[in-house]
N, C-alpha and C. Protein backbone atom coordinates (compact mmCIF):
# COMPACT_ATOMS: atom_id res chain seq x y z
N UNK A 1 109.20 101.02 124.12
CA UNK A 1 108.33 101.65 123.12
C UNK A 1 108.87 101.37 121.72
N UNK A 2 107.98 101.13 120.78
CA UNK A 2 108.37 100.86 119.39
C UNK A 2 109.02 102.10 118.79
N UNK A 3 110.18 101.88 118.16
CA UNK A 3 110.93 102.98 117.54
C UNK A 3 110.70 102.97 116.04
N UNK A 4 110.44 104.16 115.48
CA UNK A 4 110.11 104.29 114.07
C UNK A 4 111.11 105.16 113.32
N UNK A 5 111.22 104.89 112.02
CA UNK A 5 111.85 105.82 111.09
C UNK A 5 110.79 106.13 110.03
N UNK A 6 110.64 107.41 109.69
CA UNK A 6 109.67 107.86 108.71
C UNK A 6 110.39 108.28 107.43
N UNK A 7 109.92 107.74 106.30
CA UNK A 7 110.58 108.05 105.01
C UNK A 7 109.54 108.57 104.03
N UNK A 8 109.71 109.82 103.64
CA UNK A 8 108.82 110.45 102.65
C UNK A 8 109.55 111.68 102.12
N UNK A 9 109.43 111.94 100.83
CA UNK A 9 110.18 113.06 100.27
C UNK A 9 109.50 114.42 100.50
N UNK A 10 108.31 114.41 101.08
CA UNK A 10 107.60 115.67 101.38
C UNK A 10 107.67 115.95 102.88
N UNK A 11 108.30 117.07 103.24
CA UNK A 11 108.48 117.41 104.65
C UNK A 11 107.14 117.58 105.37
N UNK A 12 106.14 118.12 104.67
CA UNK A 12 104.83 118.31 105.30
C UNK A 12 104.16 116.97 105.62
N UNK A 13 104.35 115.99 104.73
CA UNK A 13 103.79 114.67 104.97
C UNK A 13 104.48 114.03 106.18
N UNK A 14 105.81 114.16 106.22
CA UNK A 14 106.55 113.60 107.37
C UNK A 14 106.11 114.27 108.67
N UNK A 15 105.89 115.58 108.61
CA UNK A 15 105.45 116.30 109.82
C UNK A 15 104.09 115.78 110.28
N UNK A 16 103.21 115.52 109.32
CA UNK A 16 101.89 114.99 109.67
C UNK A 16 101.98 113.61 110.27
N UNK A 17 102.82 112.75 109.66
CA UNK A 17 103.00 111.40 110.20
C UNK A 17 103.60 111.45 111.60
N UNK A 18 104.60 112.33 111.78
CA UNK A 18 105.24 112.44 113.10
C UNK A 18 104.23 112.89 114.16
N UNK A 19 103.41 113.88 113.81
CA UNK A 19 102.42 114.37 114.76
C UNK A 19 101.45 113.26 115.17
N UNK A 20 101.09 112.42 114.21
CA UNK A 20 100.17 111.32 114.50
C UNK A 20 100.83 110.20 115.29
N UNK A 21 102.02 109.79 114.83
CA UNK A 21 102.65 108.60 115.39
C UNK A 21 103.42 108.84 116.67
N UNK A 22 103.88 110.08 116.88
CA UNK A 22 104.68 110.36 118.09
C UNK A 22 103.86 110.25 119.36
N UNK A 23 102.54 110.21 119.23
CA UNK A 23 101.70 110.04 120.41
C UNK A 23 101.77 108.62 120.97
N UNK A 24 102.20 107.67 120.12
CA UNK A 24 102.23 106.26 120.51
C UNK A 24 103.63 105.64 120.43
N UNK A 25 104.49 106.23 119.61
CA UNK A 25 105.79 105.61 119.33
C UNK A 25 106.91 106.63 119.46
N UNK A 26 108.14 106.12 119.51
CA UNK A 26 109.33 106.98 119.46
C UNK A 26 109.77 107.11 118.01
N UNK A 27 109.79 108.33 117.50
CA UNK A 27 110.24 108.57 116.12
C UNK A 27 111.75 108.82 116.17
N UNK A 28 112.53 107.85 115.70
CA UNK A 28 113.98 107.93 115.79
C UNK A 28 114.60 108.81 114.74
N UNK A 29 113.85 109.10 113.67
CA UNK A 29 114.41 109.94 112.62
C UNK A 29 113.56 109.95 111.38
N UNK A 30 113.89 110.87 110.45
CA UNK A 30 113.16 111.02 109.21
C UNK A 30 114.16 111.10 108.05
N UNK A 31 113.69 110.70 106.86
CA UNK A 31 114.52 110.81 105.67
C UNK A 31 113.63 111.06 104.47
N UNK A 32 114.22 111.66 103.42
CA UNK A 32 113.45 111.99 102.23
C UNK A 32 113.95 111.37 100.96
N UNK A 33 115.03 110.58 101.04
CA UNK A 33 115.58 109.91 99.87
C UNK A 33 115.96 108.49 100.22
N UNK A 34 116.17 107.65 99.21
CA UNK A 34 116.60 106.27 99.44
C UNK A 34 117.93 106.25 100.18
N UNK A 35 118.89 107.01 99.67
CA UNK A 35 120.24 106.98 100.28
C UNK A 35 120.21 107.41 101.74
N UNK A 36 119.52 108.50 102.03
CA UNK A 36 119.44 108.98 103.42
C UNK A 36 118.67 107.99 104.29
N UNK A 37 117.63 107.39 103.72
CA UNK A 37 116.83 106.42 104.49
C UNK A 37 117.65 105.21 104.89
N UNK A 38 118.40 104.66 103.95
CA UNK A 38 119.21 103.48 104.24
C UNK A 38 120.24 103.80 105.31
N UNK A 39 120.93 104.95 105.18
CA UNK A 39 121.92 105.35 106.17
C UNK A 39 121.28 105.49 107.56
N UNK A 40 120.10 106.12 107.60
CA UNK A 40 119.41 106.33 108.86
C UNK A 40 118.97 105.02 109.48
N UNK A 41 118.45 104.12 108.67
CA UNK A 41 118.00 102.82 109.17
C UNK A 41 119.17 102.00 109.73
N UNK A 42 120.29 102.05 109.01
CA UNK A 42 121.48 101.33 109.47
C UNK A 42 121.96 101.90 110.80
N UNK A 43 121.90 103.21 110.92
CA UNK A 43 122.38 103.86 112.15
C UNK A 43 121.44 103.65 113.32
N UNK A 44 120.13 103.79 113.10
CA UNK A 44 119.17 103.75 114.20
C UNK A 44 118.58 102.38 114.50
N UNK A 45 118.58 101.50 113.49
CA UNK A 45 118.02 100.15 113.64
C UNK A 45 116.63 100.20 114.29
N UNK A 46 115.68 100.86 113.64
CA UNK A 46 114.33 100.99 114.22
C UNK A 46 113.57 99.68 114.19
N UNK A 47 112.48 99.64 114.94
CA UNK A 47 111.61 98.45 114.92
C UNK A 47 110.77 98.43 113.66
N UNK A 48 110.30 99.61 113.23
CA UNK A 48 109.44 99.72 112.06
C UNK A 48 109.85 100.92 111.23
N UNK A 49 109.84 100.76 109.92
CA UNK A 49 110.06 101.87 108.99
C UNK A 49 108.76 102.10 108.22
N UNK A 50 108.21 103.31 108.34
CA UNK A 50 107.04 103.69 107.55
C UNK A 50 107.57 104.44 106.34
N UNK A 51 107.40 103.83 105.16
CA UNK A 51 108.14 104.30 103.98
C UNK A 51 107.22 104.59 102.79
N UNK A 52 107.34 105.80 102.24
CA UNK A 52 106.64 106.13 101.01
C UNK A 52 107.16 105.23 99.89
N UNK A 53 106.30 104.89 98.95
CA UNK A 53 106.69 103.96 97.89
C UNK A 53 107.59 104.63 96.86
N UNK A 54 107.29 105.88 96.50
CA UNK A 54 108.04 106.57 95.46
C UNK A 54 108.86 107.71 96.06
N UNK A 55 110.18 107.66 95.85
CA UNK A 55 111.10 108.65 96.36
C UNK A 55 111.89 109.26 95.20
N UNK A 56 112.53 110.40 95.40
CA UNK A 56 113.23 111.06 94.28
C UNK A 56 114.31 110.21 93.63
N UNK A 57 114.98 109.37 94.41
CA UNK A 57 116.09 108.59 93.87
C UNK A 57 115.80 107.10 93.85
N UNK A 58 114.53 106.71 93.91
CA UNK A 58 114.21 105.29 93.86
C UNK A 58 112.86 104.99 94.47
N UNK A 59 112.74 103.81 95.06
CA UNK A 59 111.46 103.36 95.61
C UNK A 59 111.65 102.74 96.99
N UNK A 60 110.53 102.39 97.61
CA UNK A 60 110.60 101.69 98.90
C UNK A 60 111.32 100.35 98.75
N UNK A 61 111.17 99.73 97.58
CA UNK A 61 111.89 98.48 97.32
C UNK A 61 113.40 98.69 97.44
N UNK A 62 113.90 99.82 96.91
CA UNK A 62 115.33 100.13 97.00
C UNK A 62 115.74 100.33 98.47
N UNK A 63 114.89 100.96 99.25
CA UNK A 63 115.19 101.18 100.67
C UNK A 63 115.30 99.84 101.40
N UNK A 64 114.34 98.97 101.15
CA UNK A 64 114.34 97.65 101.79
C UNK A 64 115.57 96.87 101.41
N UNK A 65 115.84 96.81 100.12
CA UNK A 65 117.00 96.04 99.65
C UNK A 65 118.30 96.63 100.15
N UNK A 66 118.38 97.97 100.20
CA UNK A 66 119.60 98.62 100.69
C UNK A 66 119.84 98.34 102.16
N UNK A 67 118.77 98.34 102.96
CA UNK A 67 118.91 98.06 104.39
C UNK A 67 119.31 96.60 104.62
N UNK A 68 118.66 95.69 103.91
CA UNK A 68 118.98 94.27 104.04
C UNK A 68 120.43 94.00 103.62
N UNK A 69 120.85 94.63 102.53
CA UNK A 69 122.23 94.43 102.04
C UNK A 69 123.27 94.87 103.07
N UNK A 70 122.88 95.79 103.95
CA UNK A 70 123.80 96.28 104.98
C UNK A 70 123.54 95.63 106.34
N UNK A 71 122.80 94.53 106.31
CA UNK A 71 122.67 93.69 107.49
C UNK A 71 121.63 94.10 108.50
N UNK A 72 120.71 94.99 108.10
CA UNK A 72 119.68 95.44 109.04
C UNK A 72 118.38 94.69 108.80
N UNK A 73 117.84 94.11 109.84
CA UNK A 73 116.54 93.44 109.73
C UNK A 73 115.54 94.27 110.52
N UNK A 74 114.59 94.87 109.83
CA UNK A 74 113.55 95.66 110.45
C UNK A 74 112.26 95.42 109.70
N UNK A 75 111.18 95.95 110.20
CA UNK A 75 109.87 95.75 109.58
C UNK A 75 109.51 97.00 108.78
N UNK A 76 109.02 96.78 107.56
CA UNK A 76 108.65 97.90 106.69
C UNK A 76 107.16 97.94 106.47
N UNK A 77 106.59 99.14 106.61
CA UNK A 77 105.19 99.40 106.29
C UNK A 77 105.18 100.43 105.18
N UNK A 78 104.72 100.05 103.98
CA UNK A 78 104.68 100.96 102.85
C UNK A 78 103.45 101.86 102.95
N UNK A 79 103.66 103.13 102.64
CA UNK A 79 102.59 104.12 102.69
C UNK A 79 102.61 104.89 101.39
N UNK A 80 101.49 104.90 100.66
CA UNK A 80 101.52 105.50 99.32
C UNK A 80 100.16 106.02 98.90
N UNK A 81 100.17 106.94 97.95
CA UNK A 81 98.92 107.36 97.32
C UNK A 81 98.52 106.35 96.25
N UNK A 82 99.44 105.50 95.87
CA UNK A 82 99.21 104.55 94.77
C UNK A 82 98.67 103.23 95.26
N UNK A 83 97.71 102.68 94.48
CA UNK A 83 97.28 101.31 94.72
C UNK A 83 97.48 100.48 93.46
N UNK A 84 98.46 100.90 92.64
CA UNK A 84 98.76 100.20 91.39
C UNK A 84 99.35 98.82 91.69
N UNK A 85 98.99 97.85 90.85
CA UNK A 85 99.44 96.47 91.06
C UNK A 85 100.96 96.37 91.11
N UNK A 86 101.63 97.06 90.20
CA UNK A 86 103.09 96.95 90.15
C UNK A 86 103.73 97.48 91.42
N UNK A 87 103.17 98.55 91.99
CA UNK A 87 103.73 99.12 93.21
C UNK A 87 103.52 98.18 94.39
N UNK A 88 102.29 97.71 94.55
CA UNK A 88 101.98 96.84 95.68
C UNK A 88 102.80 95.57 95.64
N UNK A 89 102.81 94.90 94.50
CA UNK A 89 103.47 93.61 94.38
C UNK A 89 104.98 93.76 94.57
N UNK A 90 105.56 94.80 93.97
CA UNK A 90 107.01 95.00 94.07
C UNK A 90 107.45 95.18 95.52
N UNK A 91 106.73 96.00 96.27
CA UNK A 91 107.13 96.29 97.65
C UNK A 91 106.91 95.09 98.55
N UNK A 92 105.81 94.39 98.36
CA UNK A 92 105.57 93.20 99.20
C UNK A 92 106.58 92.11 98.89
N UNK A 93 106.88 91.94 97.62
CA UNK A 93 107.90 90.94 97.26
C UNK A 93 109.26 91.29 97.85
N UNK A 94 109.55 92.57 97.99
CA UNK A 94 110.83 93.00 98.55
C UNK A 94 110.93 92.71 100.04
N UNK A 95 109.76 92.54 100.68
CA UNK A 95 109.79 92.18 102.10
C UNK A 95 108.95 93.04 103.03
N UNK A 96 108.22 94.03 102.50
CA UNK A 96 107.37 94.85 103.36
C UNK A 96 106.28 93.99 103.99
N UNK A 97 105.92 94.32 105.24
CA UNK A 97 104.90 93.55 105.95
C UNK A 97 103.51 94.15 105.74
N UNK A 98 103.44 95.34 105.15
CA UNK A 98 102.15 95.93 104.93
C UNK A 98 102.21 97.02 103.90
N UNK A 99 101.04 97.40 103.39
CA UNK A 99 100.93 98.43 102.37
C UNK A 99 99.60 99.14 102.58
N UNK A 100 99.65 100.40 102.95
CA UNK A 100 98.42 101.15 103.17
C UNK A 100 98.49 102.46 102.39
N UNK A 101 97.33 103.01 102.08
CA UNK A 101 97.31 104.25 101.31
C UNK A 101 97.33 105.45 102.25
N UNK A 102 97.70 106.61 101.67
CA UNK A 102 97.79 107.83 102.46
C UNK A 102 96.41 108.38 102.84
N UNK A 103 95.37 107.75 102.33
CA UNK A 103 94.02 108.12 102.74
C UNK A 103 93.65 107.51 104.09
N UNK A 104 94.52 106.66 104.61
CA UNK A 104 94.27 105.98 105.88
C UNK A 104 94.19 106.99 107.04
N UNK A 105 93.20 106.81 107.90
CA UNK A 105 93.03 107.70 109.06
C UNK A 105 94.17 107.48 110.06
N UNK A 106 94.42 108.50 110.87
CA UNK A 106 95.52 108.45 111.83
C UNK A 106 95.45 107.26 112.78
N UNK A 107 94.26 106.98 113.32
CA UNK A 107 94.11 105.85 114.24
C UNK A 107 94.41 104.53 113.55
N UNK A 108 94.01 104.42 112.27
CA UNK A 108 94.27 103.20 111.52
C UNK A 108 95.76 103.05 111.23
N UNK A 109 96.45 104.16 110.99
CA UNK A 109 97.90 104.11 110.78
C UNK A 109 98.60 103.63 112.04
N UNK A 110 98.18 104.14 113.18
CA UNK A 110 98.77 103.70 114.46
C UNK A 110 98.55 102.20 114.66
N UNK A 111 97.33 101.74 114.40
CA UNK A 111 97.06 100.30 114.53
C UNK A 111 97.90 99.48 113.57
N UNK A 112 98.09 99.99 112.34
CA UNK A 112 98.88 99.27 111.34
C UNK A 112 100.33 99.11 111.81
N UNK A 113 100.89 100.16 112.41
CA UNK A 113 102.25 100.08 112.92
C UNK A 113 102.34 99.03 114.04
N UNK A 114 101.39 99.06 114.95
CA UNK A 114 101.37 98.07 116.04
C UNK A 114 101.30 96.65 115.46
N UNK A 115 100.47 96.47 114.46
CA UNK A 115 100.26 95.12 113.90
C UNK A 115 101.50 94.61 113.18
N UNK A 116 102.13 95.44 112.33
CA UNK A 116 103.32 94.95 111.63
C UNK A 116 104.46 94.71 112.61
N UNK A 117 104.52 95.54 113.65
CA UNK A 117 105.56 95.34 114.67
C UNK A 117 105.37 94.01 115.39
N UNK A 118 104.11 93.57 115.47
CA UNK A 118 103.80 92.29 116.13
C UNK A 118 103.91 91.11 115.18
N UNK A 119 104.22 91.39 113.89
CA UNK A 119 104.42 90.30 112.95
C UNK A 119 103.28 90.05 111.99
N UNK A 120 102.21 90.84 112.09
CA UNK A 120 101.07 90.67 111.19
C UNK A 120 101.35 91.34 109.83
N UNK A 121 100.60 90.91 108.82
CA UNK A 121 100.61 91.58 107.53
C UNK A 121 99.39 92.49 107.49
N UNK A 122 99.60 93.72 107.03
CA UNK A 122 98.52 94.71 107.08
C UNK A 122 98.35 95.38 105.72
N UNK A 123 97.10 95.48 105.29
CA UNK A 123 96.77 96.19 104.06
C UNK A 123 95.54 97.05 104.29
N UNK A 124 95.47 98.15 103.55
CA UNK A 124 94.26 98.96 103.59
C UNK A 124 93.08 98.06 103.18
N UNK A 125 91.90 98.30 103.75
CA UNK A 125 90.74 97.44 103.42
C UNK A 125 90.51 97.28 101.92
N UNK A 126 90.64 98.36 101.16
CA UNK A 126 90.39 98.28 99.73
C UNK A 126 91.47 97.48 98.99
N UNK A 127 92.63 97.31 99.64
CA UNK A 127 93.73 96.60 98.98
C UNK A 127 93.78 95.12 99.34
N UNK A 128 93.18 94.72 100.42
CA UNK A 128 93.34 93.35 100.91
C UNK A 128 92.93 92.31 99.88
N UNK A 129 91.71 92.44 99.35
CA UNK A 129 91.26 91.48 98.33
C UNK A 129 92.08 91.56 97.09
N UNK A 130 92.44 92.80 96.72
CA UNK A 130 93.26 92.96 95.52
C UNK A 130 94.62 92.27 95.65
N UNK A 131 95.23 92.40 96.84
CA UNK A 131 96.55 91.80 97.05
C UNK A 131 96.47 90.28 96.91
N UNK A 132 95.45 89.69 97.50
CA UNK A 132 95.28 88.24 97.39
C UNK A 132 95.12 87.82 95.94
N UNK A 133 94.30 88.56 95.19
CA UNK A 133 94.10 88.25 93.77
C UNK A 133 95.40 88.43 93.00
N UNK A 134 96.12 89.51 93.31
CA UNK A 134 97.35 89.80 92.58
C UNK A 134 98.39 88.71 92.77
N UNK A 135 98.53 88.25 94.03
CA UNK A 135 99.52 87.21 94.28
C UNK A 135 99.09 85.88 93.68
N UNK A 136 97.79 85.67 93.58
CA UNK A 136 97.31 84.43 93.00
C UNK A 136 97.48 84.41 91.49
N UNK A 137 97.31 85.58 90.85
CA UNK A 137 97.31 85.61 89.39
C UNK A 137 98.59 86.13 88.76
N UNK A 138 99.33 86.97 89.50
CA UNK A 138 100.48 87.63 88.89
C UNK A 138 101.82 87.14 89.42
N UNK A 139 101.80 86.42 90.52
CA UNK A 139 103.08 85.99 91.09
C UNK A 139 103.30 84.48 90.89
N UNK A 140 102.75 83.97 89.82
CA UNK A 140 103.02 82.57 89.49
C UNK A 140 104.51 82.44 89.14
N UNK A 141 105.07 81.29 89.39
CA UNK A 141 106.48 81.08 89.09
C UNK A 141 106.72 81.28 87.60
N UNK A 142 107.69 82.11 87.22
CA UNK A 142 107.95 82.33 85.80
C UNK A 142 108.53 81.10 85.15
N UNK A 143 108.37 81.05 83.85
CA UNK A 143 108.97 79.93 83.11
C UNK A 143 110.48 80.01 83.25
N UNK A 144 111.09 78.85 83.29
CA UNK A 144 112.55 78.80 83.45
C UNK A 144 113.23 79.47 82.26
N UNK A 145 114.24 80.24 82.54
CA UNK A 145 115.04 80.89 81.51
C UNK A 145 116.49 80.48 81.75
N UNK A 146 116.99 79.53 80.98
CA UNK A 146 118.34 79.01 81.22
C UNK A 146 119.40 80.09 81.22
N UNK A 147 119.24 81.10 80.36
CA UNK A 147 120.25 82.17 80.32
C UNK A 147 120.20 83.00 81.59
N UNK A 148 119.02 83.40 82.01
CA UNK A 148 118.89 84.20 83.23
C UNK A 148 119.32 83.40 84.45
N UNK A 149 119.04 82.13 84.46
CA UNK A 149 119.39 81.29 85.60
C UNK A 149 120.89 81.14 85.79
N UNK A 150 121.66 81.48 84.77
CA UNK A 150 123.13 81.45 84.90
C UNK A 150 123.64 82.51 85.89
N UNK A 151 122.85 83.59 86.03
CA UNK A 151 123.29 84.72 86.83
C UNK A 151 122.93 84.54 88.30
N UNK A 152 123.82 84.96 89.16
CA UNK A 152 123.51 84.95 90.59
C UNK A 152 122.48 86.05 90.87
N UNK A 153 121.93 86.04 92.09
CA UNK A 153 120.93 87.06 92.46
C UNK A 153 121.52 88.45 92.35
N UNK A 154 122.76 88.63 92.81
CA UNK A 154 123.39 89.94 92.73
C UNK A 154 123.68 90.32 91.28
N UNK A 155 124.11 89.38 90.47
CA UNK A 155 124.35 89.67 89.06
C UNK A 155 123.07 90.08 88.35
N UNK A 156 121.95 89.48 88.75
CA UNK A 156 120.66 89.86 88.16
C UNK A 156 120.30 91.29 88.55
N UNK A 157 120.57 91.68 89.78
CA UNK A 157 120.31 93.06 90.20
C UNK A 157 121.15 94.03 89.38
N UNK A 158 122.43 93.73 89.24
CA UNK A 158 123.32 94.59 88.48
C UNK A 158 122.88 94.62 87.01
N UNK A 159 122.51 93.46 86.47
CA UNK A 159 122.08 93.37 85.08
C UNK A 159 120.90 94.29 84.79
N UNK A 160 119.90 94.27 85.67
CA UNK A 160 118.70 95.09 85.44
C UNK A 160 119.04 96.58 85.47
N UNK A 161 119.89 96.99 86.41
CA UNK A 161 120.27 98.39 86.50
C UNK A 161 121.13 98.82 85.31
N UNK A 162 122.01 97.94 84.88
CA UNK A 162 122.80 98.22 83.68
C UNK A 162 121.89 98.38 82.47
N UNK A 163 120.95 97.47 82.34
CA UNK A 163 120.05 97.49 81.18
C UNK A 163 119.18 98.73 81.17
N UNK A 164 118.93 99.30 82.37
CA UNK A 164 118.11 100.52 82.45
C UNK A 164 118.94 101.77 82.21
N UNK A 165 120.26 101.61 82.06
CA UNK A 165 121.10 102.75 81.73
C UNK A 165 121.81 103.42 82.88
N UNK A 166 121.79 102.83 84.08
CA UNK A 166 122.46 103.43 85.22
C UNK A 166 123.98 103.33 85.07
N UNK A 167 124.68 104.37 85.50
CA UNK A 167 126.14 104.35 85.51
C UNK A 167 126.64 103.46 86.64
N UNK A 168 127.90 103.02 86.53
CA UNK A 168 128.47 102.14 87.55
C UNK A 168 128.39 102.76 88.95
N UNK A 169 128.68 104.07 89.04
CA UNK A 169 128.67 104.73 90.35
C UNK A 169 127.27 104.71 90.96
N UNK A 170 126.25 104.94 90.13
CA UNK A 170 124.87 104.93 90.63
C UNK A 170 124.46 103.54 91.07
N UNK A 171 124.87 102.52 90.31
CA UNK A 171 124.57 101.15 90.68
C UNK A 171 125.23 100.81 92.02
N UNK A 172 126.48 101.23 92.16
CA UNK A 172 127.21 100.96 93.40
C UNK A 172 126.50 101.60 94.59
N UNK A 173 126.01 102.83 94.40
CA UNK A 173 125.32 103.51 95.49
C UNK A 173 124.00 102.83 95.82
N UNK A 174 123.23 102.45 94.79
CA UNK A 174 121.94 101.82 95.01
C UNK A 174 122.07 100.47 95.71
N UNK A 175 123.11 99.71 95.35
CA UNK A 175 123.27 98.37 95.90
C UNK A 175 124.22 98.33 97.10
N UNK A 176 124.75 99.49 97.43
CA UNK A 176 125.68 99.62 98.57
C UNK A 176 126.87 98.68 98.41
N UNK A 177 127.48 98.73 97.23
CA UNK A 177 128.70 97.96 96.95
C UNK A 177 129.69 98.90 96.26
N UNK A 178 130.91 98.45 96.09
CA UNK A 178 131.92 99.30 95.46
C UNK A 178 131.77 99.32 93.94
N UNK A 179 132.31 100.37 93.33
CA UNK A 179 132.29 100.47 91.86
C UNK A 179 133.06 99.29 91.26
N UNK A 180 134.14 98.91 91.89
CA UNK A 180 134.93 97.78 91.39
C UNK A 180 134.09 96.50 91.39
N UNK A 181 133.30 96.31 92.42
CA UNK A 181 132.44 95.12 92.48
C UNK A 181 131.39 95.17 91.37
N UNK A 182 130.84 96.36 91.12
CA UNK A 182 129.89 96.50 90.03
C UNK A 182 130.54 96.12 88.70
N UNK A 183 131.75 96.60 88.48
CA UNK A 183 132.47 96.29 87.24
C UNK A 183 132.68 94.78 87.09
N UNK A 184 133.01 94.13 88.19
CA UNK A 184 133.22 92.68 88.17
C UNK A 184 131.93 91.96 87.81
N UNK A 185 130.82 92.37 88.44
CA UNK A 185 129.53 91.74 88.14
C UNK A 185 129.10 92.02 86.69
N UNK A 186 129.33 93.24 86.23
CA UNK A 186 128.95 93.60 84.86
C UNK A 186 129.70 92.74 83.84
N UNK A 187 130.98 92.55 84.08
CA UNK A 187 131.77 91.71 83.18
C UNK A 187 131.26 90.28 83.18
N UNK A 188 130.92 89.78 84.38
CA UNK A 188 130.41 88.42 84.48
C UNK A 188 129.07 88.27 83.76
N UNK A 189 128.22 89.29 83.88
CA UNK A 189 126.91 89.25 83.21
C UNK A 189 127.09 89.17 81.70
N UNK A 190 127.90 90.05 81.14
CA UNK A 190 128.09 90.06 79.69
C UNK A 190 128.73 88.76 79.21
N UNK A 191 129.68 88.23 80.01
CA UNK A 191 130.34 86.99 79.61
C UNK A 191 129.36 85.82 79.63
N UNK A 192 128.58 85.70 80.69
CA UNK A 192 127.66 84.57 80.82
C UNK A 192 126.54 84.62 79.78
N UNK A 193 126.12 85.83 79.44
CA UNK A 193 125.02 85.97 78.46
C UNK A 193 125.55 86.07 77.03
N UNK A 194 126.88 86.06 76.89
CA UNK A 194 127.54 86.13 75.58
C UNK A 194 127.10 87.38 74.82
N UNK A 195 127.16 88.51 75.54
CA UNK A 195 126.82 89.80 74.95
C UNK A 195 128.06 90.68 74.92
N UNK A 196 128.08 91.62 73.99
CA UNK A 196 129.29 92.43 73.80
C UNK A 196 129.27 93.76 74.53
N UNK A 197 128.09 94.33 74.74
CA UNK A 197 128.03 95.66 75.33
C UNK A 197 126.68 95.89 75.99
N UNK A 198 126.54 97.08 76.58
CA UNK A 198 125.33 97.42 77.33
C UNK A 198 124.11 97.52 76.41
N UNK A 199 124.30 98.01 75.19
CA UNK A 199 123.16 98.11 74.28
C UNK A 199 122.56 96.75 73.97
N UNK A 200 123.43 95.77 73.77
CA UNK A 200 122.94 94.41 73.54
C UNK A 200 122.24 93.87 74.78
N UNK A 201 122.78 94.22 75.95
CA UNK A 201 122.16 93.79 77.20
C UNK A 201 120.76 94.38 77.36
N UNK A 202 120.61 95.66 77.02
CA UNK A 202 119.31 96.32 77.12
C UNK A 202 118.30 95.65 76.20
N UNK A 203 118.70 95.32 74.98
CA UNK A 203 117.79 94.63 74.06
C UNK A 203 117.44 93.24 74.58
N UNK A 204 118.45 92.55 75.13
CA UNK A 204 118.24 91.21 75.68
C UNK A 204 117.21 91.25 76.82
N UNK A 205 117.36 92.21 77.73
CA UNK A 205 116.45 92.34 78.86
C UNK A 205 115.05 92.77 78.41
N UNK A 206 115.00 93.69 77.44
CA UNK A 206 113.71 94.17 76.94
C UNK A 206 112.93 93.03 76.27
N UNK A 207 113.63 92.18 75.54
CA UNK A 207 112.97 91.05 74.88
C UNK A 207 112.31 90.13 75.89
N UNK A 208 112.91 90.06 77.10
CA UNK A 208 112.37 89.17 78.16
C UNK A 208 111.46 89.92 79.13
N UNK A 209 111.27 91.20 78.89
CA UNK A 209 110.41 92.03 79.74
C UNK A 209 110.86 92.02 81.20
N UNK A 210 112.16 92.12 81.41
CA UNK A 210 112.68 92.12 82.76
C UNK A 210 113.41 93.40 83.09
N UNK A 211 113.17 94.46 82.33
CA UNK A 211 113.79 95.75 82.63
C UNK A 211 113.19 96.35 83.90
């Protein structure tokens, strides 16, 4: 039987999802924050994670990236009240196999879990056309930025969090790395971009609209 983890910061919503999904699947656990979700996913290694897009300490994208960083490969189905372009695109780019709204009926949610578990991509009917349009118009390859290209993928992650004002400890927790590693990446970012401090980094990132 397909094993699930349910992630939503509202206990009543999780209870509703469990009541619906437990009729077809094994619910291995529930979580209400990014940190708890990543720990639970690493521990249980479920087949599918049904994850709310917005959580108190981050987003579904953070959950996906945190699980991947800790070596877990599982399937993510995003569930949200939002159909905003930025939310849909961010989560799908992070690796989610589907995105459905909380207005979805119980039977449709069950079918969506079965489909993503089988490898299909699933979207709510109202989102399907929008997603195709969004990827066609908004996910074009960005223009090359020689300065940004100097940074490794991990350095870019650290750079964005630094530019947004996160403390080293928070960055370490979000990326599941040590504070010392964050400090090393931060120093490399400032050196490669020839910047002196975090304020200059924030302005640099804002100018490029990559915050």
